[in-house]
Amino acid sequence: MMKVIVIGPNGKMGKLITQTAASREDMQLVAGVAPAGRDYIGSDLGTAAMVGRELGVPVVDDLESVIEGCDVIIDFSTREMGMTVLGLAVAHKKSLVCGTTGFSPEEMQRFRDAAAHIPMLYAANTSKLVNVMNKLLELVVSAAGGDLDIEILEMHDQWKKDAPSGTSKEMGEIMAEALGHKLSDIAVYGREGASPRTPGTIGYHSLRAGNIPSSHTVFFGGMGERLEITHHSYNWECFARGACDCAAYLAGREPGYYTIKNVLNLA
C-alpha cells in the first residue's frame, strides 16, 4: 500500500485529494502538511480535510518531520511552497506529484533536474479528459495547423493567481511544437486597439470570474469554417482523482520525469 503525504490539505485541491486518497484501498495517508501559522495545524488530517471521519494522522507544518514515513508526496499548494517541497523530496529520495502552476522556466527546470534523483511527475492538469483533449489538439495542428488561426480562451475562478493558466500554456506548447516553434516565440496575450492578427501566432485570452472551476476552449479558424475543442470541469473532483492516479503510477518507478501522458498511455 502506497503511503501518501498531502501538501495543503485544507486548500480546495488538497481537501479533495485527501478525500479521494482516503477512499482508495491502495493508499494510506500518513500526514498532511500545512503552511506555518494555519489554525488547523495539529488537528487530525481527516478533520482538516473534511473527510467525514478521523484518519488518525496529523497535520503538521514541517514536512521534514514526517517525510520519512511516506512513499509519495502530492503537492497542489503554492509556487513558493512547491519549491520547498521539491527540495525536500529530492533530499529524502521521495516520489513527488506536483500540480501547482505559475512556476518560472528556471523553476520548472528544477523539476526536470530532480528527475535524475526521484520519480518526478509534473502535471499542470490532472483531468483525464483535458489530457485526451491535448492529444486531439496535437492531431488537429499536425494535420492542418499551417492553414488555421489558433486562439485559446481559458476561464477560471476569481482567486486564480496566474494567467494564462498552466493548462492553457501546456496546450499552447503542444500546438507550438507541432508547428515547429516554441510557444514563447508565437504566443500573443490579449489585444487592444489596432491589433491585426499576425499569421502563425497562438492567441491567449484569460477570464476570471466568480467560482468558475476551469474551462478551456481552443478555436481553430479556417476560411469558411471553424473548429472548437472545449473542456469544462464542473468541479475539482476530476483533478483530485487524476492526482491520486498519478501518485499510484509512481509506485515502484525508477527516477525519471513522468507526465500524465504516461499515466493515461497517451505518450
C-alpha atoms as a PDB file:
ATOM      1  CA  MET A   1       0.000   0.000   0.000  1.00  0.00           C
ATOM      2  CA  MET A   2       1.380   3.391  -1.009  1.00  0.00           C
ATOM      3  CA  LYS A   3       1.953   5.819   1.865  1.00  0.00           C
ATOM      4  CA  VAL A   4       0.961   9.376   0.957  1.00  0.00           C
ATOM      5  CA  ILE A   5       1.565  12.884   2.294  1.00  0.00           C
ATOM      6  CA  VAL A   6      -0.705  15.672   1.022  1.00  0.00           C
ATOM      7  CA  ILE A   7       0.547  19.255   0.999  1.00  0.00           C
ATOM      8  CA  GLY A   8      -2.035  21.918   1.877  1.00  0.00           C
ATOM      9  CA  PRO A   9      -4.840  19.523   2.903  1.00  0.00           C
ATOM     10  CA  ASN A  10      -7.215  22.361   3.775  1.00  0.00           C
ATOM     11  CA  GLY A  11      -6.983  24.014   0.336  1.00  0.00           C
ATOM     12  CA  LYS A  12      -9.582  23.469  -2.386  1.00  0.00           C
ATOM     13  CA  MET A  13      -7.473  20.831  -4.141  1.00  0.00           C
ATOM     14  CA  GLY A  14      -5.781  19.497  -1.021  1.00  0.00           C
ATOM     15  CA  LYS A  15      -9.138  18.662   0.564  1.00  0.00           C
ATOM     16  CA  LEU A  16     -10.359  16.758  -2.469  1.00  0.00           C
ATOM     17  CA  ILE A  17      -7.059  14.908  -2.910  1.00  0.00           C
ATOM     18  CA  THR A  18      -7.136  13.897   0.758  1.00  0.00           C
ATOM     19  CA  GLN A  19     -10.751  12.755   0.482  1.00  0.00           C
ATOM     20  CA  THR A  20     -10.001  10.765  -2.663  1.00  0.00           C
ATOM     21  CA  ALA A  21      -6.850   9.152  -1.256  1.00  0.00           C
ATOM     22  CA  ALA A  22      -8.722   8.238   1.957  1.00  0.00           C
ATOM     23  CA  SER A  23     -11.284   6.337  -0.121  1.00  0.00           C
ATOM     24  CA  ARG A  24      -8.729   4.262  -2.039  1.00  0.00           C
ATOM     25  CA  GLU A  25      -7.674   0.820  -0.895  1.00  0.00           C
ATOM     26  CA  ASP A  26      -4.216   1.181  -2.435  1.00  0.00           C
ATOM     27  CA  MET A  27      -3.302   4.328  -0.465  1.00  0.00           C
ATOM     28  CA  GLN A  28      -2.604   5.142   3.166  1.00  0.00           C
ATOM     29  CA  LEU A  29      -2.451   8.764   4.251  1.00  0.00           C
ATOM     30  CA  VAL A  30       0.365   9.307   6.739  1.00  0.00           C
ATOM     31  CA  ALA A  31       0.303  13.111   7.177  1.00  0.00           C
ATOM     32  CA  GLY A  32      -0.868  16.431   5.878  1.00  0.00           C
ATOM     33  CA  VAL A  33       1.475  19.417   5.710  1.00  0.00           C
ATOM     34  CA  ALA A  34       0.133  22.949   6.082  1.00  0.00           C
ATOM     35  CA  PRO A  35       1.835  26.344   5.758  1.00  0.00           C
ATOM     36  CA  ALA A  36       3.132  27.662   9.078  1.00  0.00           C
ATOM     37  CA  GLY A  37       0.598  29.544  11.180  1.00  0.00           C
ATOM     38  CA  ARG A  38      -2.570  27.859   9.916  1.00  0.00           C
ATOM     39  CA  ASP A  39      -5.136  27.228  12.630  1.00  0.00           C
ATOM     40  CA  TYR A  40      -5.679  23.586  11.682  1.00  0.00           C
ATOM     41  CA  ILE A  41      -2.083  22.533  12.345  1.00  0.00           C
ATOM     42  CA  GLY A  42      -2.121  19.807  14.996  1.00  0.00           C
ATOM     43  CA  SER A  43      -5.591  18.610  14.082  1.00  0.00           C
ATOM     44  CA  ASP A  44      -6.417  15.233  12.583  1.00  0.00           C
ATOM     45  CA  LEU A  45      -5.991  15.127   8.803  1.00  0.00           C
ATOM     46  CA  GLY A  46      -9.493  13.721   8.336  1.00  0.00           C
ATOM     47  CA  THR A  47     -10.979  16.649  10.241  1.00  0.00           C
ATOM     48  CA  ALA A  48      -8.875  19.277   8.446  1.00  0.00           C
ATOM     49  CA  ALA A  49      -9.811  17.926   5.008  1.00  0.00           C
ATOM     50  CA  MET A  50     -13.460  17.260   5.889  1.00  0.00           C
ATOM     51  CA  VAL A  51     -13.200  13.547   5.085  1.00  0.00           C
ATOM     52  CA  GLY A  52     -16.091  12.784   7.418  1.00  0.00           C
ATOM     53  CA  ARG A  53     -14.028  10.723   9.836  1.00  0.00           C
ATOM     54  CA  GLU A  54     -10.739  10.946  11.676  1.00  0.00           C
ATOM     55  CA  LEU A  55      -7.797   9.274   9.972  1.00  0.00           C
ATOM     56  CA  GLY A  56      -5.516   9.021  12.992  1.00  0.00           C
ATOM     57  CA  VAL A  57      -2.718  11.015  11.339  1.00  0.00           C
ATOM     58  CA  PRO A  58      -1.673  14.616  11.982  1.00  0.00           C
ATOM     59  CA  VAL A  59      -1.485  17.863  10.103  1.00  0.00           C
ATOM     60  CA  VAL A  60       1.957  19.382  10.680  1.00  0.00           C
ATOM     61  CA  ASP A  61       3.811  22.443   9.429  1.00  0.00           C
ATOM     62  CA  ASP A  62       7.190  20.735   8.985  1.00  0.00           C
ATOM     63  CA  LEU A  63       7.405  18.314   6.059  1.00  0.00           C
ATOM     64  CA  GLU A  64      10.832  17.122   7.087  1.00  0.00           C
ATOM     65  CA  SER A  65       9.438  15.797  10.389  1.00  0.00           C
ATOM     66  CA  VAL A  66       7.139  13.321   8.612  1.00  0.00           C
ATOM     67  CA  ILE A  67       8.684  12.785   5.183  1.00  0.00           C
ATOM     68  CA  GLU A  68      10.465   9.516   6.025  1.00  0.00           C
ATOM     69  CA  GLY A  69       7.094   7.862   6.631  1.00  0.00           C
ATOM     70  CA  CYS A  70       5.852   8.321   3.063  1.00  0.00           C
ATOM     71  CA  ASP A  71       6.388   6.863  -0.382  1.00  0.00           C
ATOM     72  CA  VAL A  72       4.976   9.780  -2.361  1.00  0.00           C
ATOM     73  CA  ILE A  73       4.121  13.444  -1.811  1.00  0.00           C
ATOM     74  CA  ILE A  74       1.194  15.079  -3.604  1.00  0.00           C
ATOM     75  CA  ASP A  75       1.552  18.855  -3.835  1.00  0.00           C
ATOM     76  CA  PHE A  76      -1.062  21.230  -5.265  1.00  0.00           C
ATOM     77  CA  SER A  77      -0.196  24.137  -2.981  1.00  0.00           C
ATOM     78  CA  THR A  78       1.640  27.311  -3.970  1.00  0.00           C
ATOM     79  CA  ARG A  79       4.621  28.218  -6.088  1.00  0.00           C
ATOM     80  CA  GLU A  80       6.681  29.140  -3.025  1.00  0.00           C
ATOM     81  CA  MET A  81       5.793  26.032  -1.029  1.00  0.00           C
ATOM     82  CA  GLY A  82       6.310  23.899  -4.116  1.00  0.00           C
ATOM     83  CA  MET A  83       9.988  24.798  -4.267  1.00  0.00           C
ATOM     84  CA  THR A  84      10.478  23.815  -0.620  1.00  0.00           C
ATOM     85  CA  VAL A  85       8.635  20.528  -1.124  1.00  0.00           C
ATOM     86  CA  LEU A  86      10.706  19.746  -4.219  1.00  0.00           C
ATOM     87  CA  GLY A  87      13.971  20.280  -2.365  1.00  0.00           C
ATOM     88  CA  LEU A  88      12.960  18.003   0.496  1.00  0.00           C
ATOM     89  CA  ALA A  89      11.617  15.314  -1.846  1.00  0.00           C
ATOM     90  CA  VAL A  90      14.991  15.178  -3.595  1.00  0.00           C
ATOM     91  CA  ALA A  91      16.956  15.244  -0.345  1.00  0.00           C
ATOM     92  CA  HIS A  92      14.947  12.329   1.082  1.00  0.00           C
ATOM     93  CA  LYS A  93      14.519  10.444  -2.230  1.00  0.00           C
ATOM     94  CA  LYS A  94      10.714  10.512  -2.196  1.00  0.00           C
ATOM     95  CA  SER A  95       8.439  10.369  -5.231  1.00  0.00           C
ATOM     96  CA  LEU A  96       6.643  13.632  -5.978  1.00  0.00           C
ATOM     97  CA  VAL A  97       3.465  14.544  -7.861  1.00  0.00           C
ATOM     98  CA  CYS A  98       3.198  18.299  -8.387  1.00  0.00           C
ATOM     99  CA  GLY A  99       0.191  20.001  -9.954  1.00  0.00           C
ATOM    100  CA  THR A 100       0.921  23.558  -8.858  1.00  0.00           C
ATOM    101  CA  THR A 101       1.186  26.089 -11.695  1.00  0.00           C
ATOM    102  CA  GLY A 102       2.787  29.507 -12.127  1.00  0.00           C
ATOM    103  CA  PHE A 103       6.426  28.401 -11.934  1.00  0.00           C
ATOM    104  CA  SER A 104       9.073  30.281 -13.889  1.00  0.00           C
ATOM    105  CA  PRO A 105      11.051  28.464 -16.623  1.00  0.00           C
ATOM    106  CA  GLU A 106      14.007  28.269 -14.239  1.00  0.00           C
ATOM    107  CA  GLU A 107      11.837  26.710 -11.525  1.00  0.00           C
ATOM    108  CA  MET A 108      10.389  24.210 -13.999  1.00  0.00           C
ATOM    109  CA  GLN A 109      13.937  23.194 -14.870  1.00  0.00           C
ATOM    110  CA  ARG A 110      14.465  22.281 -11.227  1.00  0.00           C
ATOM    111  CA  PHE A 111      11.624  19.767 -11.506  1.00  0.00           C
ATOM    112  CA  ARG A 112      13.254  18.253 -14.599  1.00  0.00           C
ATOM    113  CA  ASP A 113      16.620  18.143 -12.847  1.00  0.00           C
ATOM    114  CA  ALA A 114      15.014  16.389  -9.855  1.00  0.00           C
ATOM    115  CA  ALA A 115      14.044  13.510 -12.139  1.00  0.00           C
ATOM    116  CA  ALA A 116      17.668  12.353 -12.078  1.00  0.00           C
ATOM    117  CA  HIS A 117      17.182  11.514  -8.409  1.00  0.00           C
ATOM    118  CA  ILE A 118      13.472  10.718  -7.817  1.00  0.00           C
ATOM    119  CA  PRO A 119      10.356   9.631  -9.690  1.00  0.00           C
ATOM    120  CA  MET A 120       9.012  13.090 -10.582  1.00  0.00           C
ATOM    121  CA  LEU A 121       5.586  13.635 -12.128  1.00  0.00           C
ATOM    122  CA  TYR A 122       4.561  17.166 -13.032  1.00  0.00           C
ATOM    123  CA  ALA A 123       1.076  17.782 -14.412  1.00  0.00           C
ATOM    124  CA  ALA A 124      -0.423  21.214 -14.987  1.00  0.00           C
ATOM    125  CA  ASN A 125      -3.792  19.484 -15.248  1.00  0.00           C
ATOM    126  CA  THR A 126      -4.621  16.005 -13.931  1.00  0.00           C
ATOM    127  CA  SER A 127      -8.021  15.677 -15.601  1.00  0.00           C
ATOM    128  CA  LYS A 128      -8.243  12.609 -17.835  1.00  0.00           C
ATOM    129  CA  LEU A 129     -10.347  14.395 -20.446  1.00  0.00           C
ATOM    130  CA  VAL A 130      -8.143  17.505 -20.572  1.00  0.00           C
ATOM    131  CA  ASN A 131      -5.242  15.275 -21.493  1.00  0.00           C
ATOM    132  CA  VAL A 132      -7.312  13.492 -24.116  1.00  0.00           C
ATOM    133  CA  MET A 133      -8.106  16.990 -25.427  1.00  0.00           C
ATOM    134  CA  ASN A 134      -4.373  17.742 -25.610  1.00  0.00           C
ATOM    135  CA  LYS A 135      -3.942  14.707 -27.842  1.00  0.00           C
ATOM    136  CA  LEU A 136      -6.738  15.982 -30.098  1.00  0.00           C
ATOM    137  CA  LEU A 137      -5.096  19.413 -30.320  1.00  0.00           C
ATOM    138  CA  GLU A 138      -1.846  17.812 -31.408  1.00  0.00           C
ATOM    139  CA  LEU A 139      -3.728  15.851 -34.083  1.00  0.00           C
ATOM    140  CA  VAL A 140      -5.523  18.930 -35.471  1.00  0.00           C
ATOM    141  CA  VAL A 141      -2.367  21.027 -35.665  1.00  0.00           C
ATOM    142  CA  SER A 142      -0.331  18.202 -37.184  1.00  0.00           C
ATOM    143  CA  ALA A 143      -2.995  17.738 -39.868  1.00  0.00           C
ATOM    144  CA  ALA A 144      -3.928  21.330 -40.707  1.00  0.00           C
ATOM    145  CA  GLY A 145      -2.209  23.745 -38.333  1.00  0.00           C
ATOM    146  CA  GLY A 146      -0.445  25.753 -41.011  1.00  0.00           C
ATOM    147  CA  ASP A 147      -3.778  26.783 -42.520  1.00  0.00           C
ATOM    148  CA  LEU A 148      -5.509  27.727 -39.258  1.00  0.00           C
ATOM    149  CA  ASP A 149      -5.638  30.662 -36.849  1.00  0.00           C
ATOM    150  CA  ILE A 150      -5.393  29.371 -33.276  1.00  0.00           C
ATOM    151  CA  GLU A 151      -6.916  31.161 -30.292  1.00  0.00           C
ATOM    152  CA  ILE A 152      -7.237  29.925 -26.693  1.00  0.00           C
ATOM    153  CA  LEU A 153      -9.884  31.124 -24.241  1.00  0.00           C
ATOM    154  CA  GLU A 154      -9.433  29.960 -20.639  1.00  0.00           C
ATOM    155  CA  MET A 155     -11.763  30.703 -17.725  1.00  0.00           C
ATOM    156  CA  HIS A 156     -11.172  30.225 -14.001  1.00  0.00           C
ATOM    157  CA  ASP A 157     -12.407  31.464 -10.651  1.00  0.00           C
ATOM    158  CA  GLN A 158     -11.662  34.923  -9.305  1.00  0.00           C
ATOM    159  CA  TRP A 159      -8.984  33.568  -6.951  1.00  0.00           C
ATOM    160  CA  LYS A 160      -6.673  32.018  -9.529  1.00  0.00           C
ATOM    161  CA  LYS A 161      -3.311  33.762  -9.304  1.00  0.00           C
ATOM    162  CA  ASP A 162      -1.603  33.004 -12.610  1.00  0.00           C
ATOM    163  CA  ALA A 163      -2.688  33.904 -16.126  1.00  0.00           C
ATOM    164  CA  PRO A 164      -2.767  32.322 -18.571  1.00  0.00           C
ATOM    165  CA  SER A 165      -3.493  29.068 -16.793  1.00  0.00           C
ATOM    166  CA  GLY A 166      -0.865  26.355 -16.636  1.00  0.00           C
ATOM    167  CA  THR A 167      -3.215  24.085 -18.568  1.00  0.00           C
ATOM    168  CA  SER A 168      -3.597  26.567 -21.418  1.00  0.00           C
ATOM    169  CA  LYS A 169       0.164  27.098 -21.526  1.00  0.00           C
ATOM    170  CA  GLU A 170       0.630  23.351 -21.843  1.00  0.00           C
ATOM    171  CA  MET A 171      -1.936  23.295 -24.661  1.00  0.00           C
ATOM    172  CA  GLY A 172      -0.075  26.097 -26.397  1.00  0.00           C
ATOM    173  CA  GLU A 173       3.259  24.340 -26.003  1.00  0.00           C
ATOM    174  CA  ILE A 174       1.849  21.151 -27.525  1.00  0.00           C
ATOM    175  CA  MET A 175       0.459  23.027 -30.527  1.00  0.00           C
ATOM    176  CA  ALA A 176       3.539  25.218 -30.964  1.00  0.00           C
ATOM    177  CA  GLU A 177       5.756  22.137 -31.013  1.00  0.00           C
ATOM    178  CA  ALA A 178       3.511  20.555 -33.653  1.00  0.00           C
ATOM    179  CA  LEU A 179       4.010  23.747 -35.700  1.00  0.00           C
ATOM    180  CA  GLY A 180       7.775  23.559 -35.250  1.00  0.00           C
ATOM    181  CA  HIS A 181       8.062  26.550 -32.909  1.00  0.00           C
ATOM    182  CA  LYS A 182       8.486  27.456 -29.266  1.00  0.00           C
ATOM    183  CA  LEU A 183       5.375  28.888 -27.642  1.00  0.00           C
ATOM    184  CA  SER A 184       7.352  31.859 -26.320  1.00  0.00           C
ATOM    185  CA  ASP A 185       8.072  32.886 -29.919  1.00  0.00           C
ATOM    186  CA  ILE A 186       4.490  32.788 -31.239  1.00  0.00           C
ATOM    187  CA  ALA A 187       2.182  33.493 -28.267  1.00  0.00           C
ATOM    188  CA  VAL A 188       0.130  36.703 -28.182  1.00  0.00           C
ATOM    189  CA  TYR A 189      -1.564  37.675 -24.920  1.00  0.00           C
ATOM    190  CA  GLY A 190      -4.741  39.727 -25.345  1.00  0.00           C
ATOM    191  CA  ARG A 191      -5.368  42.570 -27.766  1.00  0.00           C
ATOM    192  CA  GLU A 192      -6.204  46.239 -27.555  1.00  0.00           C
ATOM    193  CA  GLY A 193      -6.650  48.990 -30.101  1.00  0.00           C
ATOM    194  CA  ALA A 194      -5.371  48.461 -33.621  1.00  0.00           C
ATOM    195  CA  SER A 195      -4.007  44.934 -33.416  1.00  0.00           C
ATOM    196  CA  PRO A 196      -4.483  42.876 -36.564  1.00  0.00           C
ATOM    197  CA  ARG A 197      -3.778  39.199 -36.187  1.00  0.00           C
ATOM    198  CA  THR A 198      -0.266  38.037 -37.030  1.00  0.00           C
ATOM    199  CA  PRO A 199      -0.401  34.788 -39.017  1.00  0.00           C
ATOM    200  CA  GLY A 200       1.128  31.769 -37.297  1.00  0.00           C
ATOM    201  CA  THR A 201       0.585  33.043 -33.767  1.00  0.00           C
ATOM    202  CA  ILE A 202      -1.391  31.485 -30.895  1.00  0.00           C
ATOM    203  CA  GLY A 203      -3.685  33.977 -29.160  1.00  0.00           C
ATOM    204  CA  TYR A 204      -4.455  33.828 -25.430  1.00  0.00           C
ATOM    205  CA  HIS A 205      -7.434  35.271 -23.569  1.00  0.00           C
ATOM    206  CA  SER A 206      -7.971  34.828 -19.810  1.00  0.00           C
ATOM    207  CA  LEU A 207     -11.252  35.305 -17.970  1.00  0.00           C
ATOM    208  CA  ARG A 208     -11.500  35.358 -14.152  1.00  0.00           C
ATOM    209  CA  ALA A 209     -14.971  35.439 -12.583  1.00  0.00           C
ATOM    210  CA  GLY A 210     -16.957  34.018  -9.679  1.00  0.00           C
ATOM    211  CA  ASN A 211     -16.212  30.418  -8.819  1.00  0.00           C
ATOM    212  CA  ILE A 212     -15.763  29.036 -12.348  1.00  0.00           C
ATOM    213  CA  PRO A 213     -13.770  25.818 -11.732  1.00  0.00           C
ATOM    214  CA  SER A 214     -11.930  25.522 -15.076  1.00  0.00           C
ATOM    215  CA  SER A 215     -12.827  25.917 -18.728  1.00  0.00           C
ATOM    216  CA  HIS A 216     -10.614  25.803 -21.810  1.00  0.00           C
ATOM    217  CA  THR A 217     -11.622  26.303 -25.440  1.00  0.00           C
ATOM    218  CA  VAL A 218      -9.271  26.218 -28.405  1.00  0.00           C
ATOM    219  CA  PHE A 219     -10.588  27.849 -31.577  1.00  0.00           C
ATOM    220  CA  PHE A 220      -9.188  26.777 -34.938  1.00  0.00           C
ATOM    221  CA  GLY A 221     -10.251  29.348 -37.522  1.00  0.00           C
ATOM    222  CA  GLY A 222     -10.112  28.487 -41.203  1.00  0.00           C
ATOM    223  CA  MET A 223     -11.595  30.157 -44.250  1.00  0.00           C
ATOM    224  CA  GLY A 224     -15.330  29.434 -44.196  1.00  0.00           C
ATOM    225  CA  GLU A 225     -15.151  27.055 -41.247  1.00  0.00           C
ATOM    226  CA  ARG A 226     -14.218  26.876 -37.578  1.00  0.00           C
ATOM    227  CA  LEU A 227     -13.415  24.033 -35.200  1.00  0.00           C
ATOM    228  CA  GLU A 228     -13.752  24.417 -31.423  1.00  0.00           C
ATOM    229  CA  ILE A 229     -12.497  21.921 -28.863  1.00  0.00           C
ATOM    230  CA  THR A 230     -13.664  22.615 -25.327  1.00  0.00           C
ATOM    231  CA  HIS A 231     -13.269  21.095 -21.889  1.00  0.00           C
ATOM    232  CA  HIS A 232     -15.382  22.179 -18.909  1.00  0.00           C
ATOM    233  CA  SER A 233     -14.880  20.915 -15.380  1.00  0.00           C
ATOM    234  CA  TYR A 234     -17.958  21.172 -13.166  1.00  0.00           C
ATOM    235  CA  ASN A 235     -15.862  20.924 -10.001  1.00  0.00           C
ATOM    236  CA  TRP A 236     -12.355  19.911  -8.979  1.00  0.00           C
ATOM    237  CA  GLU A 237     -13.055  16.225  -8.274  1.00  0.00           C
ATOM    238  CA  CYS A 238     -11.700  15.122 -11.654  1.00  0.00           C
ATOM    239  CA  PHE A 239      -8.364  16.759 -10.840  1.00  0.00           C
ATOM    240  CA  ALA A 240      -8.198  15.074  -7.418  1.00  0.00           C
ATOM    241  CA  ARG A 241      -8.876  11.635  -8.901  1.00  0.00           C
ATOM    242  CA  GLY A 242      -6.238  12.263 -11.530  1.00  0.00           C
ATOM    243  CA  ALA A 243      -3.702  13.396  -8.927  1.00  0.00           C
ATOM    244  CA  CYS A 244      -4.158  10.177  -6.972  1.00  0.00           C
ATOM    245  CA  ASP A 245      -3.886   8.121 -10.176  1.00  0.00           C
ATOM    246  CA  CYS A 246      -0.598   9.901 -10.862  1.00  0.00           C
ATOM    247  CA  ALA A 247       0.678   9.062  -7.390  1.00  0.00           C
ATOM    248  CA  ALA A 248      -0.314   5.406  -7.813  1.00  0.00           C
ATOM    249  CA  TYR A 249       1.508   5.306 -11.158  1.00  0.00           C
ATOM    250  CA  LEU A 250       4.799   6.222  -9.452  1.00  0.00           C
ATOM    251  CA  ALA A 251       4.730   3.117  -7.218  1.00  0.00           C
ATOM    252  CA  GLY A 252       7.922   1.185  -7.845  1.00  0.00           C
ATOM    253  CA  ARG A 253       9.115   3.503 -10.621  1.00  0.00           C
ATOM    254  CA  GLU A 254      12.732   4.370 -11.197  1.00  0.00           C
ATOM    255  CA  PRO A 255      13.834   8.022 -11.030  1.00  0.00           C
ATOM    256  CA  GLY A 256      12.648   9.885 -14.104  1.00  0.00           C
ATOM    257  CA  TYR A 257      10.468  12.705 -15.364  1.00  0.00           C
ATOM    258  CA  TYR A 258       6.943  11.446 -15.902  1.00  0.00           C
ATOM    259  CA  THR A 259       3.780  13.156 -17.096  1.00  0.00           C
ATOM    260  CA  ILE A 260       0.115  12.278 -17.042  1.00  0.00           C
ATOM    261  CA  LYS A 261       0.541  11.122 -20.644  1.00  0.00           C
ATOM    262  CA  ASN A 262       2.432   8.178 -19.191  1.00  0.00           C
ATOM    263  CA  VAL A 263      -0.350   7.519 -16.692  1.00  0.00           C
ATOM    264  CA  LEU A 264      -3.030   7.525 -19.416  1.00  0.00           C
ATOM    265  CA  ASN A 265      -0.918   5.765 -22.072  1.00  0.00           C
ATOM    266  CA  LEU A 266      -1.105   8.849 -24.297  1.00  0.00           C
ATOM    267  CA  ALA A 267       2.642   9.282 -24.699  1.00  0.00           C
END
